[in-house]
Amino acid sequence: MIHYSCDCCRRPIDSTTDLRYVVKLEVQATMDLPDLDSAEDERDHLLEIEELLDELGEPNLDYVDEDYQRRRYDLCAQCYQDYIKNPLGVEKTHRVGFSQN
């Protein structure tokens, strides 16, 4: 029999009596490039590409393990409720706005 545990709180999940939530994440690197179709046909495209690459410089990819990653997590019901409220784990701050009187 397969034994499951919550990947967040590490609590065991009994698959016959408890709900188990599977969270699948897919992350891929992307970059928006300029629209090259709408410009003139007489341009030197190779020169433009070279200039774009010079502008970008050498990418620092030390922090990137791969361009594409898939992850899968099992969550218990309580951790799922917490996750679904704040899936990115962003700390929410309540800002109070004051007028310029």
C-alpha atoms as a PDB file:
ATOM      1  CA  MET A   1       0.000   0.000   0.000  1.00  0.00           C
ATOM      2  CA  ILE A   2       1.271   3.478  -0.856  1.00  0.00           C
ATOM      3  CA  HIS A   3       1.649   5.821   2.105  1.00  0.00           C
ATOM      4  CA  TYR A   4       1.079   9.537   1.536  1.00  0.00           C
ATOM      5  CA  SER A   5       2.091  12.493   3.648  1.00  0.00           C
ATOM      6  CA  CYS A   6       1.454  16.197   3.236  1.00  0.00           C
ATOM      7  CA  ASP A   7       4.424  17.861   1.547  1.00  0.00           C
ATOM      8  CA  CYS A   8       3.744  21.001   3.578  1.00  0.00           C
ATOM      9  CA  CYS A   9       3.112  19.901   7.185  1.00  0.00           C
ATOM     10  CA  ARG A  10       4.397  16.294   6.842  1.00  0.00           C
ATOM     11  CA  ARG A  11       1.218  14.891   8.420  1.00  0.00           C
ATOM     12  CA  PRO A  12       0.339  11.370   7.182  1.00  0.00           C
ATOM     13  CA  ILE A  13      -2.640  11.204   4.822  1.00  0.00           C
ATOM     14  CA  ASP A  14      -4.782   8.072   4.871  1.00  0.00           C
ATOM     15  CA  SER A  15      -5.786   7.679   1.231  1.00  0.00           C
ATOM     16  CA  THR A  16      -8.841   5.584   2.149  1.00  0.00           C
ATOM     17  CA  THR A  17     -10.421   8.080   4.572  1.00  0.00           C
ATOM     18  CA  ASP A  18      -8.793  11.490   3.988  1.00  0.00           C
ATOM     19  CA  LEU A  19      -8.916  13.753   0.992  1.00  0.00           C
ATOM     20  CA  ARG A  20      -5.543  14.329  -0.599  1.00  0.00           C
ATOM     21  CA  TYR A  21      -5.001  17.325  -2.864  1.00  0.00           C
ATOM     22  CA  VAL A  22      -2.434  17.081  -5.648  1.00  0.00           C
ATOM     23  CA  VAL A  23      -0.859  20.361  -6.701  1.00  0.00           C
ATOM     24  CA  LYS A  24       1.011  20.310 -10.016  1.00  0.00           C
ATOM     25  CA  LEU A  25       3.261  23.226 -10.885  1.00  0.00           C
ATOM     26  CA  GLU A  26       4.722  23.881 -14.285  1.00  0.00           C
ATOM     27  CA  VAL A  27       7.355  26.595 -14.688  1.00  0.00           C
ATOM     28  CA  GLN A  28       9.022  27.645 -17.912  1.00  0.00           C
ATOM     29  CA  ALA A  29      11.300  30.488 -18.870  1.00  0.00           C
ATOM     30  CA  THR A  30       9.930  32.906 -21.456  1.00  0.00           C
ATOM     31  CA  MET A  31      10.735  36.260 -22.974  1.00  0.00           C
ATOM     32  CA  ASP A  32       8.659  38.553 -25.172  1.00  0.00           C
ATOM     33  CA  LEU A  33      10.547  39.477 -28.313  1.00  0.00           C
ATOM     34  CA  PRO A  34       9.756  42.474 -30.494  1.00  0.00           C
ATOM     35  CA  ASP A  35       7.308  41.957 -33.345  1.00  0.00           C
ATOM     36  CA  LEU A  36       9.513  41.689 -36.426  1.00  0.00           C
ATOM     37  CA  ASP A  37       6.732  40.926 -38.943  1.00  0.00           C
ATOM     38  CA  SER A  38       5.246  44.409 -39.060  1.00  0.00           C
ATOM     39  CA  ALA A  39       8.407  46.241 -40.175  1.00  0.00           C
ATOM     40  CA  GLU A  40      10.010  46.796 -43.566  1.00  0.00           C
ATOM     41  CA  ASP A  41      11.417  43.900 -45.592  1.00  0.00           C
ATOM     42  CA  GLU A  42      14.696  45.640 -46.444  1.00  0.00           C
ATOM     43  CA  ARG A  43      16.052  45.638 -42.922  1.00  0.00           C
ATOM     44  CA  ASP A  44      19.167  43.756 -41.952  1.00  0.00           C
ATOM     45  CA  HIS A  45      17.593  41.206 -39.616  1.00  0.00           C
ATOM     46  CA  LEU A  46      20.899  39.639 -38.614  1.00  0.00           C
ATOM     47  CA  LEU A  47      22.232  43.036 -37.561  1.00  0.00           C
ATOM     48  CA  GLU A  48      19.059  43.692 -35.535  1.00  0.00           C
ATOM     49  CA  ILE A  49      19.357  40.334 -33.801  1.00  0.00           C
ATOM     50  CA  GLU A  50      23.000  41.032 -33.002  1.00  0.00           C
ATOM     51  CA  GLU A  51      22.062  44.447 -31.566  1.00  0.00           C
ATOM     52  CA  LEU A  52      19.304  42.884 -29.456  1.00  0.00           C
ATOM     53  CA  LEU A  53      21.717  40.302 -28.100  1.00  0.00           C
ATOM     54  CA  ASP A  54      24.241  43.039 -27.287  1.00  0.00           C
ATOM     55  CA  GLU A  55      21.542  44.981 -25.422  1.00  0.00           C
ATOM     56  CA  LEU A  56      20.598  41.919 -23.405  1.00  0.00           C
ATOM     57  CA  GLY A  57      24.201  41.183 -22.525  1.00  0.00           C
ATOM     58  CA  GLU A  58      25.309  37.900 -21.104  1.00  0.00           C
ATOM     59  CA  PRO A  59      22.431  36.298 -19.227  1.00  0.00           C
ATOM     60  CA  ASN A  60      23.112  35.330 -15.642  1.00  0.00           C
ATOM     61  CA  LEU A  61      21.648  31.842 -15.544  1.00  0.00           C
ATOM     62  CA  ASP A  62      23.362  30.754 -12.336  1.00  0.00           C
ATOM     63  CA  TYR A  63      20.029  30.828 -10.510  1.00  0.00           C
ATOM     64  CA  VAL A  64      18.201  28.789 -13.152  1.00  0.00           C
ATOM     65  CA  ASP A  65      18.525  25.012 -12.913  1.00  0.00           C
ATOM     66  CA  GLU A  66      16.510  24.357 -16.040  1.00  0.00           C
ATOM     67  CA  ASP A  67      14.358  26.285 -18.487  1.00  0.00           C
ATOM     68  CA  TYR A  68      11.404  24.053 -17.724  1.00  0.00           C
ATOM     69  CA  GLN A  69      10.385  22.366 -14.485  1.00  0.00           C
ATOM     70  CA  ARG A  70       7.440  20.308 -13.308  1.00  0.00           C
ATOM     71  CA  ARG A  71       6.702  19.716  -9.646  1.00  0.00           C
ATOM     72  CA  ARG A  72       4.011  17.693  -7.882  1.00  0.00           C
ATOM     73  CA  TYR A  73       2.935  18.067  -4.258  1.00  0.00           C
ATOM     74  CA  ASP A  74       0.459  16.212  -2.048  1.00  0.00           C
ATOM     75  CA  LEU A  75      -1.424  18.380   0.438  1.00  0.00           C
ATOM     76  CA  CYS A  76      -3.739  17.556   3.316  1.00  0.00           C
ATOM     77  CA  ALA A  77      -7.098  19.348   3.514  1.00  0.00           C
ATOM     78  CA  GLN A  78      -5.865  22.061   5.917  1.00  0.00           C
ATOM     79  CA  CYS A  79      -2.712  22.880   3.940  1.00  0.00           C
ATOM     80  CA  TYR A  80      -4.774  22.911   0.747  1.00  0.00           C
ATOM     81  CA  GLN A  81      -7.093  25.546   2.249  1.00  0.00           C
ATOM     82  CA  ASP A  82      -4.062  27.658   3.197  1.00  0.00           C
ATOM     83  CA  TYR A  83      -2.467  27.159  -0.218  1.00  0.00           C
ATOM     84  CA  ILE A  84      -5.561  28.045  -2.228  1.00  0.00           C
ATOM     85  CA  LYS A  85      -5.923  31.350  -0.326  1.00  0.00           C
ATOM     86  CA  ASN A  86      -2.363  32.398  -1.154  1.00  0.00           C
ATOM     87  CA  PRO A  87      -0.799  30.105  -3.801  1.00  0.00           C
ATOM     88  CA  LEU A  88       2.333  32.240  -4.286  1.00  0.00           C
ATOM     89  CA  GLY A  89       2.957  32.667  -0.573  1.00  0.00           C
ATOM     90  CA  VAL A  90       3.000  36.442  -0.897  1.00  0.00           C
ATOM     91  CA  GLU A  91       2.854  38.243   2.419  1.00  0.00           C
ATOM     92  CA  LYS A  92      -0.151  40.524   2.294  1.00  0.00           C
ATOM     93  CA  THR A  93       0.146  43.945   3.858  1.00  0.00           C
ATOM     94  CA  HIS A  94      -2.812  46.126   4.629  1.00  0.00           C
ATOM     95  CA  ARG A  95      -2.000  49.594   3.422  1.00  0.00           C
ATOM     96  CA  VAL A  96      -3.988  52.512   4.652  1.00  0.00           C
ATOM     97  CA  GLY A  97      -4.321  55.338   2.175  1.00  0.00           C
ATOM     98  CA  PHE A  98      -4.417  58.908   3.437  1.00  0.00           C
ATOM     99  CA  SER A  99      -5.554  61.872   1.404  1.00  0.00           C
ATOM    100  CA  GLN A 100      -3.236  64.786   0.630  1.00  0.00           C
ATOM    101  CA  ASN A 101      -5.143  67.326   2.829  1.00  0.00           C
END
